[in-house]
Amino acid sequence: SDIVKLIVKMEEKQAIQEAQRKLLNTIERLKEVNGQNQQLIEQSLTY
């Protein structure tokens, strides 16, 4: 986000923002799946 403020060309700014958005969405989905996996393992250990 700090780098985006320094970029002058609009197409470069949009490209890096899109890459950032895609990376953040993937990381968020990864956190969800890992949380689900952790719950499954905890349930298995409880059983």
All heavy atoms as atom14 arrays in JSON, in Angstrom:
{
  "sequence": "SDIVKLIVKMEEKQAIQEAQRKLLNTIERLKEVNGQNQQLIEQSLTY",
  "atom14_mask": [
    [1, 1, 1, 1, 1, 1, 0, 0, 0, 0, 0, 0, 0, 0],
    [1, 1, 1, 1, 1, 1, 1, 1, 0, 0, 0, 0, 0, 0],
    [1, 1, 1, 1, 1, 1, 1, 1, 0, 0, 0, 0, 0, 0],
    [1, 1, 1, 1, 1, 1, 1, 0, 0, 0, 0, 0, 0, 0],
    [1, 1, 1, 1, 1, 1, 1, 1, 1, 0, 0, 0, 0, 0],
    [1, 1, 1, 1, 1, 1, 1, 1, 0, 0, 0, 0, 0, 0],
    [1, 1, 1, 1, 1, 1, 1, 1, 0, 0, 0, 0, 0, 0],
    [1, 1, 1, 1, 1, 1, 1, 0, 0, 0, 0, 0, 0, 0],
    [1, 1, 1, 1, 1, 1, 1, 1, 1, 0, 0, 0, 0, 0],
    [1, 1, 1, 1, 1, 1, 1, 1, 0, 0, 0, 0, 0, 0],
    [1, 1, 1, 1, 1, 1, 1, 1, 1, 0, 0, 0, 0, 0],
    [1, 1, 1, 1, 1, 1, 1, 1, 1, 0, 0, 0, 0, 0],
    [1, 1, 1, 1, 1, 1, 1, 1, 1, 0, 0, 0, 0, 0],
    [1, 1, 1, 1, 1, 1, 1, 1, 1, 0, 0, 0, 0, 0],
    [1, 1, 1, 1, 1, 0, 0, 0, 0, 0, 0, 0, 0, 0],
    [1, 1, 1, 1, 1, 1, 1, 1, 0, 0, 0, 0, 0, 0],
    [1, 1, 1, 1, 1, 1, 1, 1, 1, 0, 0, 0, 0, 0],
    [1, 1, 1, 1, 1, 1, 1, 1, 1, 0, 0, 0, 0, 0],
    [1, 1, 1, 1, 1, 0, 0, 0, 0, 0, 0, 0, 0, 0],
    [1, 1, 1, 1, 1, 1, 1, 1, 1, 0, 0, 0, 0, 0],
    [1, 1, 1, 1, 1, 1, 1, 1, 1, 1, 1, 0, 0, 0],
    [1, 1, 1, 1, 1, 1, 1, 1, 1, 0, 0, 0, 0, 0],
    [1, 1, 1, 1, 1, 1, 1, 1, 0, 0, 0, 0, 0, 0],
    [1, 1, 1, 1, 1, 1, 1, 1, 0, 0, 0, 0, 0, 0],
    [1, 1, 1, 1, 1, 1, 1, 1, 0, 0, 0, 0, 0, 0],
    [1, 1, 1, 1, 1, 1, 1, 0, 0, 0, 0, 0, 0, 0],
    [1, 1, 1, 1, 1, 1, 1, 1, 0, 0, 0, 0, 0, 0],
    [1, 1, 1, 1, 1, 1, 1, 1, 1, 0, 0, 0, 0, 0],
    [1, 1, 1, 1, 1, 1, 1, 1, 1, 1, 1, 0, 0, 0],
    [1, 1, 1, 1, 1, 1, 1, 1, 0, 0, 0, 0, 0, 0],
    [1, 1, 1, 1, 1, 1, 1, 1, 1, 0, 0, 0, 0, 0],
    [1, 1, 1, 1, 1, 1, 1, 1, 1, 0, 0, 0, 0, 0],
    [1, 1, 1, 1, 1, 1, 1, 0, 0, 0, 0, 0, 0, 0],
    [1, 1, 1, 1, 1, 1, 1, 1, 0, 0, 0, 0, 0, 0],
    [1, 1, 1, 1, 0, 0, 0, 0, 0, 0, 0, 0, 0, 0],
    [1, 1, 1, 1, 1, 1, 1, 1, 1, 0, 0, 0, 0, 0],
    [1, 1, 1, 1, 1, 1, 1, 1, 0, 0, 0, 0, 0, 0],
    [1, 1, 1, 1, 1, 1, 1, 1, 1, 0, 0, 0, 0, 0],
    [1, 1, 1, 1, 1, 1, 1, 1, 1, 0, 0, 0, 0, 0],
    [1, 1, 1, 1, 1, 1, 1, 1, 0, 0, 0, 0, 0, 0],
    [1, 1, 1, 1, 1, 1, 1, 1, 0, 0, 0, 0, 0, 0],
    [1, 1, 1, 1, 1, 1, 1, 1, 1, 0, 0, 0, 0, 0],
    [1, 1, 1, 1, 1, 1, 1, 1, 1, 0, 0, 0, 0, 0],
    [1, 1, 1, 1, 1, 1, 0, 0, 0, 0, 0, 0, 0, 0],
    [1, 1, 1, 1, 1, 1, 1, 1, 0, 0, 0, 0, 0, 0],
    [1, 1, 1, 1, 1, 1, 1, 0, 0, 0, 0, 0, 0, 0],
    [1, 1, 1, 1, 1, 1, 1, 1, 1, 1, 1, 1, 0, 0]
  ],
  "atom14_positions": [
    [[0.83, -1.21, 0.0], [0.0, 0.0, 0.0], [0.86, 1.26, 0.0], [0.51, 2.26, -0.63], [-0.93, 0.01, 1.22], [-1.79, -1.09, 1.18], [0.0, 0.0, 0.0], [0.0, 0.0, 0.0], [0.0, 0.0, 0.0], [0.0, 0.0, 0.0], [0.0, 0.0, 0.0], [0.0, 0.0, 0.0], [0.0, 0.0, 0.0], [0.0, 0.0, 0.0]],
    [[1.98, 1.21, 0.69], [2.91, 2.35, 0.71], [3.54, 2.54, -0.66], [3.72, 3.68, -1.11], [4.0, 2.15, 1.76], [3.46, 2.12, 3.17], [2.39, 2.72, 3.42], [4.09, 1.47, 4.03], [0.0, 0.0, 0.0], [0.0, 0.0, 0.0], [0.0, 0.0, 0.0], [0.0, 0.0, 0.0], [0.0, 0.0, 0.0], [0.0, 0.0, 0.0]],
    [[3.87, 1.44, -1.32], [4.47, 1.51, -2.66], [3.47, 2.1, -3.65], [3.84, 2.88, -4.52], [4.94, 0.11, -3.13], [6.13, -0.36, -2.29], [5.31, 0.1, -4.6], [7.4, 0.42, -2.52], [0.0, 0.0, 0.0], [0.0, 0.0, 0.0], [0.0, 0.0, 0.0], [0.0, 0.0, 0.0], [0.0, 0.0, 0.0], [0.0, 0.0, 0.0]],
    [[2.21, 1.73, -3.52], [1.17, 2.22, -4.43], [1.12, 3.74, -4.41], [0.92, 4.38, -5.46], [-0.22, 1.6, -4.06], [-1.34, 2.3, -4.79], [-0.23, 0.12, -4.35], [0.0, 0.0, 0.0], [0.0, 0.0, 0.0], [0.0, 0.0, 0.0], [0.0, 0.0, 0.0], [0.0, 0.0, 0.0], [0.0, 0.0, 0.0], [0.0, 0.0, 0.0]],
    [[1.34, 4.33, -3.26], [1.31, 5.79, -3.14], [2.44, 6.45, -3.94], [2.32, 7.61, -4.35], [1.41, 6.21, -1.68], [0.21, 5.78, -0.86], [0.43, 6.09, 0.61], [-0.69, 5.5, 1.45], [-0.42, 5.63, 2.89], [0.0, 0.0, 0.0], [0.0, 0.0, 0.0], [0.0, 0.0, 0.0], [0.0, 0.0, 0.0], [0.0, 0.0, 0.0]],
    [[3.52, 5.7, -4.16], [4.67, 6.27, -4.86], [4.6, 6.06, -6.38], [5.35, 6.7, -7.11], [5.96, 5.63, -4.34], [6.24, 5.79, -2.84], [7.49, 5.02, -2.46], [6.39, 7.26, -2.49], [0.0, 0.0, 0.0], [0.0, 0.0, 0.0], [0.0, 0.0, 0.0], [0.0, 0.0, 0.0], [0.0, 0.0, 0.0], [0.0, 0.0, 0.0]],
    [[3.73, 5.19, -6.83], [3.65, 4.88, -8.26], [2.84, 5.96, -8.96], [1.75, 6.34, -8.52], [3.01, 3.49, -8.47], [3.89, 2.41, -7.83], [2.8, 3.2, -9.94], [3.31, 1.03, -7.86], [0.0, 0.0, 0.0], [0.0, 0.0, 0.0], [0.0, 0.0, 0.0], [0.0, 0.0, 0.0], [0.0, 0.0, 0.0], [0.0, 0.0, 0.0]],
    [[3.37, 6.41, -10.08], [2.74, 7.49, -10.83], [1.82, 6.94, -11.92], [0.71, 7.42, -12.11], [3.81, 8.42, -11.44], [3.18, 9.51, -12.27], [4.69, 9.0, -10.35], [0.0, 0.0, 0.0], [0.0, 0.0, 0.0], [0.0, 0.0, 0.0], [0.0, 0.0, 0.0], [0.0, 0.0, 0.0], [0.0, 0.0, 0.0], [0.0, 0.0, 0.0]],
    [[2.28, 5.92, -12.64], [1.5, 5.37, -13.75], [0.28, 4.61, -13.23], [0.4, 3.72, -12.4], [2.37, 4.44, -14.59], [3.5, 5.14, -15.31], [4.29, 4.15, -16.13], [5.46, 4.81, -16.8], [6.3, 3.85, -17.52], [0.0, 0.0, 0.0], [0.0, 0.0, 0.0], [0.0, 0.0, 0.0], [0.0, 0.0, 0.0], [0.0, 0.0, 0.0]],
    [[-0.88, 4.97, -13.77], [-2.14, 4.38, -13.31], [-2.22, 2.88, -13.59], [-2.68, 2.12, -12.74], [-3.32, 5.1, -13.96], [-4.65, 4.65, -13.4], [-4.74, 4.77, -11.59], [-5.36, 6.4, -11.42], [0.0, 0.0, 0.0], [0.0, 0.0, 0.0], [0.0, 0.0, 0.0], [0.0, 0.0, 0.0], [0.0, 0.0, 0.0], [0.0, 0.0, 0.0]],
    [[-1.73, 2.43, -14.73], [-1.8, 0.99, -15.06], [-0.91, 0.17, -14.13], [-1.27, -0.94, -13.72], [-1.49, 0.7, -16.52], [-0.16, 1.19, -17.04], [-0.19, 2.63, -17.54], [-1.25, 3.27, -17.59], [0.9, 3.14, -17.87], [0.0, 0.0, 0.0], [0.0, 0.0, 0.0], [0.0, 0.0, 0.0], [0.0, 0.0, 0.0], [0.0, 0.0, 0.0]],
    [[0.25, 0.71, -13.75], [1.12, 0.02, -12.79], [0.47, -0.01, -11.41], [0.52, -1.01, -10.71], [2.48, 0.71, -12.71], [3.35, 0.5, -13.91], [4.72, 1.16, -13.78], [4.92, 1.98, -12.85], [5.59, 0.85, -14.62], [0.0, 0.0, 0.0], [0.0, 0.0, 0.0], [0.0, 0.0, 0.0], [0.0, 0.0, 0.0], [0.0, 0.0, 0.0]],
    [[-0.14, 1.1, -11.04], [-0.82, 1.19, -9.74], [-1.95, 0.17, -9.67], [-2.09, -0.55, -8.68], [-1.37, 2.6, -9.56], [-1.85, 2.92, -8.17], [-2.29, 4.37, -8.05], [-1.07, 5.23, -7.88], [-1.31, 6.52, -7.22], [0.0, 0.0, 0.0], [0.0, 0.0, 0.0], [0.0, 0.0, 0.0], [0.0, 0.0, 0.0], [0.0, 0.0, 0.0]],
    [[-2.75, 0.07, -10.73], [-3.86, -0.88, -10.75], [-3.36, -2.32, -10.74], [-3.94, -3.19, -10.08], [-4.75, -0.63, -11.97], [-5.56, 0.64, -11.87], [-6.33, 0.93, -13.15], [-6.02, 0.42, -14.22], [-7.33, 1.81, -13.03], [0.0, 0.0, 0.0], [0.0, 0.0, 0.0], [0.0, 0.0, 0.0], [0.0, 0.0, 0.0], [0.0, 0.0, 0.0]],
    [[-2.28, -2.58, -11.48], [-1.73, -3.94, -11.54], [-1.23, -4.4, -10.17], [-1.51, -5.53, -9.74], [-0.59, -4.0, -12.57], [0.0, 0.0, 0.0], [0.0, 0.0, 0.0], [0.0, 0.0, 0.0], [0.0, 0.0, 0.0], [0.0, 0.0, 0.0], [0.0, 0.0, 0.0], [0.0, 0.0, 0.0], [0.0, 0.0, 0.0], [0.0, 0.0, 0.0]],
    [[-0.52, -3.53, -9.48], [0.0, -3.93, -8.16], [-1.12, -4.04, -7.13], [-1.1, -4.91, -6.26], [1.14, -3.01, -7.69], [1.97, -3.72, -6.62], [0.63, -1.69, -7.18], [3.33, -3.1, -6.37], [0.0, 0.0, 0.0], [0.0, 0.0, 0.0], [0.0, 0.0, 0.0], [0.0, 0.0, 0.0], [0.0, 0.0, 0.0], [0.0, 0.0, 0.0]],
    [[-2.15, -3.18, -7.24], [-3.29, -3.27, -6.34], [-4.07, -4.58, -6.57], [-4.53, -5.21, -5.62], [-4.22, -2.07, -6.49], [-3.66, -0.81, -5.86], [-4.53, 0.4, -6.12], [-5.18, 0.53, -7.17], [-4.55, 1.33, -5.16], [0.0, 0.0, 0.0], [0.0, 0.0, 0.0], [0.0, 0.0, 0.0], [0.0, 0.0, 0.0], [0.0, 0.0, 0.0]],
    [[-4.21, -4.97, -7.82], [-4.9, -6.22, -8.14], [-4.11, -7.42, -7.62], [-4.68, -8.36, -7.06], [-5.11, -6.35, -9.66], [-5.8, -7.62, -10.08], [-7.19, -7.79, -9.47], [-7.88, -6.79, -9.21], [-7.58, -8.96, -9.25], [0.0, 0.0, 0.0], [0.0, 0.0, 0.0], [0.0, 0.0, 0.0], [0.0, 0.0, 0.0], [0.0, 0.0, 0.0]],
    [[-2.79, -7.39, -7.78], [-1.95, -8.47, -7.25], [-2.06, -8.53, -5.72], [-2.17, -9.61, -5.14], [-0.5, -8.27, -7.68], [0.0, 0.0, 0.0], [0.0, 0.0, 0.0], [0.0, 0.0, 0.0], [0.0, 0.0, 0.0], [0.0, 0.0, 0.0], [0.0, 0.0, 0.0], [0.0, 0.0, 0.0], [0.0, 0.0, 0.0], [0.0, 0.0, 0.0]],
    [[-2.06, -7.37, -5.08], [-2.19, -7.32, -3.63], [-3.54, -7.89, -3.19], [-3.62, -8.69, -2.26], [-2.06, -5.87, -3.14], [-2.24, -5.72, -1.64], [-2.31, -4.27, -1.19], [-2.68, -3.39, -1.98], [-1.96, -4.01, 0.05], [0.0, 0.0, 0.0], [0.0, 0.0, 0.0], [0.0, 0.0, 0.0], [0.0, 0.0, 0.0], [0.0, 0.0, 0.0]],
    [[-4.6, -7.51, -3.89], [-5.95, -7.98, -3.55], [-6.04, -9.51, -3.72], [-6.57, -10.2, -2.86], [-6.96, -7.28, -4.46], [-8.36, -7.3, -3.98], [-9.34, -6.42, -4.77], [-8.93, -5.87, -6.04], [-8.45, -4.63, -6.23], [-8.3, -3.82, -5.2], [-8.11, -4.2, -7.43], [0.0, 0.0, 0.0], [0.0, 0.0, 0.0], [0.0, 0.0, 0.0]],
    [[-5.47, -10.01, -4.8], [-5.51, -11.46, -5.05], [-4.72, -12.22, -3.98], [-5.17, -13.25, -3.48], [-4.94, -11.76, -6.44], [-5.18, -13.16, -6.9], [-4.81, -13.34, -8.36], [-5.16, -14.74, -8.8], [-4.85, -14.95, -10.21], [0.0, 0.0, 0.0], [0.0, 0.0, 0.0], [0.0, 0.0, 0.0], [0.0, 0.0, 0.0], [0.0, 0.0, 0.0]],
    [[-3.56, -11.7, -3.62], [-2.74, -12.34, -2.59], [-3.46, -12.33, -1.23], [-3.5, -13.34, -0.53], [-1.38, -11.66, -2.48], [-0.4, -12.24, -1.46], [-0.07, -13.69, -1.78], [0.88, -11.42, -1.42], [0.0, 0.0, 0.0], [0.0, 0.0, 0.0], [0.0, 0.0, 0.0], [0.0, 0.0, 0.0], [0.0, 0.0, 0.0], [0.0, 0.0, 0.0]],
    [[-4.05, -11.2, -0.88], [-4.76, -11.1, 0.4], [-5.97, -12.02, 0.44], [-6.25, -12.65, 1.48], [-5.17, -9.65, 0.67], [-4.03, -8.69, 0.99], [-4.55, -7.26, 1.13], [-3.29, -9.11, 2.24], [0.0, 0.0, 0.0], [0.0, 0.0, 0.0], [0.0, 0.0, 0.0], [0.0, 0.0, 0.0], [0.0, 0.0, 0.0], [0.0, 0.0, 0.0]],
    [[-6.7, -12.14, -0.67], [-7.84, -13.05, -0.72], [-7.4, -14.5, -0.56], [-8.05, -15.28, 0.14], [-8.62, -12.88, -2.03], [-9.4, -11.59, -2.07], [-9.69, -10.98, -1.05], [-9.74, -11.14, -3.28], [0.0, 0.0, 0.0], [0.0, 0.0, 0.0], [0.0, 0.0, 0.0], [0.0, 0.0, 0.0], [0.0, 0.0, 0.0], [0.0, 0.0, 0.0]],
    [[-6.3, -14.86, -1.2], [-5.77, -16.23, -1.08], [-5.33, -16.51, 0.35], [-5.61, -17.57, 0.89], [-4.59, -16.43, -2.05], [-5.02, -16.11, -3.38], [-4.09, -17.86, -2.02], [0.0, 0.0, 0.0], [0.0, 0.0, 0.0], [0.0, 0.0, 0.0], [0.0, 0.0, 0.0], [0.0, 0.0, 0.0], [0.0, 0.0, 0.0], [0.0, 0.0, 0.0]],
    [[-4.67, -15.55, 0.97], [-4.21, -15.73, 2.36], [-5.41, -15.85, 3.29], [-5.41, -16.67, 4.22], [-3.28, -14.57, 2.77], [-1.94, -14.67, 2.03], [-3.04, -14.56, 4.28], [-1.03, -13.49, 2.2], [0.0, 0.0, 0.0], [0.0, 0.0, 0.0], [0.0, 0.0, 0.0], [0.0, 0.0, 0.0], [0.0, 0.0, 0.0], [0.0, 0.0, 0.0]],
    [[-6.45, -15.06, 3.06], [-7.65, -15.12, 3.91], [-8.33, -16.49, 3.78], [-8.73, -17.09, 4.78], [-8.63, -14.0, 3.52], [-9.77, -13.84, 4.48], [-9.32, -13.51, 5.9], [-8.36, -12.74, 6.07], [-9.95, -14.02, 6.84], [0.0, 0.0, 0.0], [0.0, 0.0, 0.0], [0.0, 0.0, 0.0], [0.0, 0.0, 0.0], [0.0, 0.0, 0.0]],
    [[-8.43, -16.99, 2.57], [-9.03, -18.32, 2.35], [-8.16, -19.4, 3.01], [-8.67, -20.35, 3.6], [-9.18, -18.58, 0.84], [-9.71, -19.93, 0.49], [-11.18, -20.09, 0.84], [-11.58, -21.43, 0.49], [-12.19, -22.27, 1.3], [-12.53, -21.89, 2.51], [-12.5, -23.47, 0.92], [0.0, 0.0, 0.0], [0.0, 0.0, 0.0], [0.0, 0.0, 0.0]],
    [[-6.85, -19.23, 2.93], [-5.92, -20.17, 3.56], [-6.12, -20.2, 5.08], [-6.12, -21.26, 5.69], [-4.49, -19.79, 3.2], [-3.36, -20.68, 3.68], [-3.5, -22.09, 3.12], [-2.02, -20.1, 3.25], [0.0, 0.0, 0.0], [0.0, 0.0, 0.0], [0.0, 0.0, 0.0], [0.0, 0.0, 0.0], [0.0, 0.0, 0.0], [0.0, 0.0, 0.0]],
    [[-6.32, -19.03, 5.68], [-6.57, -18.96, 7.12], [-7.85, -19.71, 7.47], [-7.91, -20.42, 8.48], [-6.69, -17.51, 7.58], [-5.39, -16.76, 7.66], [-5.64, -15.33, 8.12], [-4.37, -14.52, 8.15], [-4.62, -13.13, 8.57], [0.0, 0.0, 0.0], [0.0, 0.0, 0.0], [0.0, 0.0, 0.0], [0.0, 0.0, 0.0], [0.0, 0.0, 0.0]],
    [[-8.89, -19.55, 6.66], [-10.17, -20.23, 6.91], [-10.01, -21.74, 6.86], [-10.48, -22.46, 7.74], [-11.21, -19.8, 5.89], [-11.68, -18.37, 6.02], [-12.56, -17.93, 4.86], [-12.96, -18.79, 4.03], [-12.86, -16.73, 4.78], [0.0, 0.0, 0.0], [0.0, 0.0, 0.0], [0.0, 0.0, 0.0], [0.0, 0.0, 0.0], [0.0, 0.0, 0.0]],
    [[-9.34, -22.24, 5.82], [-9.16, -23.68, 5.67], [-8.29, -24.23, 6.79], [-8.58, -25.3, 7.35], [-8.56, -24.01, 4.27], [-8.2, -25.47, 4.16], [-9.55, -23.63, 3.17], [0.0, 0.0, 0.0], [0.0, 0.0, 0.0], [0.0, 0.0, 0.0], [0.0, 0.0, 0.0], [0.0, 0.0, 0.0], [0.0, 0.0, 0.0], [0.0, 0.0, 0.0]],
    [[-7.24, -23.51, 7.16], [-6.38, -23.97, 8.26], [-7.13, -23.98, 9.59], [-6.92, -24.86, 10.42], [-5.12, -23.11, 8.36], [-4.09, -23.49, 7.31], [-4.09, -24.59, 6.78], [-3.21, -22.56, 7.0], [0.0, 0.0, 0.0], [0.0, 0.0, 0.0], [0.0, 0.0, 0.0], [0.0, 0.0, 0.0], [0.0, 0.0, 0.0], [0.0, 0.0, 0.0]],
    [[-8.0, -23.01, 9.8], [-8.83, -23.0, 11.0], [-9.77, -24.2, 11.04], [-9.95, -24.84, 12.09], [0.0, 0.0, 0.0], [0.0, 0.0, 0.0], [0.0, 0.0, 0.0], [0.0, 0.0, 0.0], [0.0, 0.0, 0.0], [0.0, 0.0, 0.0], [0.0, 0.0, 0.0], [0.0, 0.0, 0.0], [0.0, 0.0, 0.0], [0.0, 0.0, 0.0]],
    [[-10.34, -24.52, 9.9], [-11.21, -25.69, 9.8], [-10.42, -26.97, 10.07], [-10.88, -27.85, 10.8], [-11.84, -25.75, 8.42], [-12.76, -26.92, 8.2], [-13.29, -26.95, 6.77], [-12.84, -26.23, 5.9], [-14.26, -27.8, 6.53], [0.0, 0.0, 0.0], [0.0, 0.0, 0.0], [0.0, 0.0, 0.0], [0.0, 0.0, 0.0], [0.0, 0.0, 0.0]],
    [[-9.23, -27.07, 9.51], [-8.39, -28.24, 9.75], [-8.02, -28.37, 11.23], [-8.0, -29.46, 11.78], [-7.12, -28.17, 8.9], [-7.39, -28.43, 7.43], [-8.45, -28.93, 7.07], [-6.45, -28.07, 6.59], [0.0, 0.0, 0.0], [0.0, 0.0, 0.0], [0.0, 0.0, 0.0], [0.0, 0.0, 0.0], [0.0, 0.0, 0.0], [0.0, 0.0, 0.0]],
    [[-7.73, -27.25, 11.87], [-7.39, -27.28, 13.29], [-8.58, -27.78, 14.1], [-8.41, -28.6, 15.01], [-6.99, -25.88, 13.76], [-6.58, -25.84, 15.22], [-6.13, -24.45, 15.65], [-6.07, -23.52, 14.85], [-5.83, -24.31, 16.91], [0.0, 0.0, 0.0], [0.0, 0.0, 0.0], [0.0, 0.0, 0.0], [0.0, 0.0, 0.0], [0.0, 0.0, 0.0]],
    [[-9.78, -27.35, 13.77], [-10.97, -27.82, 14.48], [-11.17, -29.31, 14.27], [-11.53, -30.03, 15.22], [-12.21, -27.06, 14.02], [-12.27, -25.64, 14.5], [-13.48, -24.89, 13.96], [-14.12, -25.32, 13.0], [-13.8, -23.77, 14.58], [0.0, 0.0, 0.0], [0.0, 0.0, 0.0], [0.0, 0.0, 0.0], [0.0, 0.0, 0.0], [0.0, 0.0, 0.0]],
    [[-10.95, -29.8, 13.05], [-11.1, -31.23, 12.78], [-10.1, -32.05, 13.59], [-10.45, -33.1, 14.14], [-10.92, -31.52, 11.28], [-12.05, -31.1, 10.37], [-11.64, -31.25, 8.91], [-13.31, -31.93, 10.66], [0.0, 0.0, 0.0], [0.0, 0.0, 0.0], [0.0, 0.0, 0.0], [0.0, 0.0, 0.0], [0.0, 0.0, 0.0], [0.0, 0.0, 0.0]],
    [[-8.88, -31.58, 13.68], [-7.86, -32.29, 14.45], [-8.2, -32.28, 15.94], [-8.07, -33.3, 16.62], [-6.46, -31.7, 14.17], [-6.03, -32.04, 12.74], [-5.43, -32.21, 15.17], [-4.78, -31.35, 12.28], [0.0, 0.0, 0.0], [0.0, 0.0, 0.0], [0.0, 0.0, 0.0], [0.0, 0.0, 0.0], [0.0, 0.0, 0.0], [0.0, 0.0, 0.0]],
    [[-8.65, -31.14, 16.44], [-9.04, -31.07, 17.85], [-10.2, -32.01, 18.15], [-10.22, -32.67, 19.19], [-9.4, -29.62, 18.23], [-8.19, -28.72, 18.34], [-8.55, -27.25, 18.54], [-9.76, -26.92, 18.58], [-7.63, -26.44, 18.64], [0.0, 0.0, 0.0], [0.0, 0.0, 0.0], [0.0, 0.0, 0.0], [0.0, 0.0, 0.0], [0.0, 0.0, 0.0]],
    [[-11.17, -32.08, 17.26], [-12.3, -33.0, 17.44], [-11.82, -34.44, 17.43], [-12.28, -35.27, 18.22], [-13.35, -32.79, 16.35], [-14.13, -31.51, 16.5], [-15.06, -31.26, 15.33], [-15.08, -32.0, 14.35], [-15.82, -30.19, 15.41], [0.0, 0.0, 0.0], [0.0, 0.0, 0.0], [0.0, 0.0, 0.0], [0.0, 0.0, 0.0], [0.0, 0.0, 0.0]],
    [[-10.89, -34.73, 16.54], [-10.35, -36.09, 16.46], [-9.62, -36.45, 17.76], [-9.78, -37.56, 18.28], [-9.4, -36.2, 15.27], [-8.85, -37.48, 15.18], [0.0, 0.0, 0.0], [0.0, 0.0, 0.0], [0.0, 0.0, 0.0], [0.0, 0.0, 0.0], [0.0, 0.0, 0.0], [0.0, 0.0, 0.0], [0.0, 0.0, 0.0], [0.0, 0.0, 0.0]],
    [[-8.83, -35.52, 18.28], [-8.11, -35.77, 19.53], [-9.07, -35.93, 20.7], [-8.86, -36.78, 21.58], [-7.11, -34.66, 19.8], [-5.89, -34.62, 18.89], [-5.06, -33.37, 19.17], [-5.06, -35.86, 19.03], [0.0, 0.0, 0.0], [0.0, 0.0, 0.0], [0.0, 0.0, 0.0], [0.0, 0.0, 0.0], [0.0, 0.0, 0.0], [0.0, 0.0, 0.0]],
    [[-10.13, -35.16, 20.72], [-11.14, -35.28, 21.77], [-11.8, -36.65, 21.72], [-12.02, -37.3, 22.74], [-12.19, -34.16, 21.64], [-11.54, -32.9, 21.73], [-13.25, -34.27, 22.73], [0.0, 0.0, 0.0], [0.0, 0.0, 0.0], [0.0, 0.0, 0.0], [0.0, 0.0, 0.0], [0.0, 0.0, 0.0], [0.0, 0.0, 0.0], [0.0, 0.0, 0.0]],
    [[-12.1, -37.11, 20.51], [-12.71, -38.42, 20.34], [-11.76, -39.53, 20.8], [-12.17, -40.48, 21.47], [-13.13, -38.64, 18.88], [-13.68, -40.0, 18.63], [-14.96, -40.35, 19.07], [-12.92, -40.98, 17.98], [-15.47, -41.61, 18.85], [-13.43, -42.24, 17.77], [-14.7, -42.56, 18.21], [-15.2, -43.82, 17.99], [0.0, 0.0, 0.0], [0.0, 0.0, 0.0]]
  ]
}
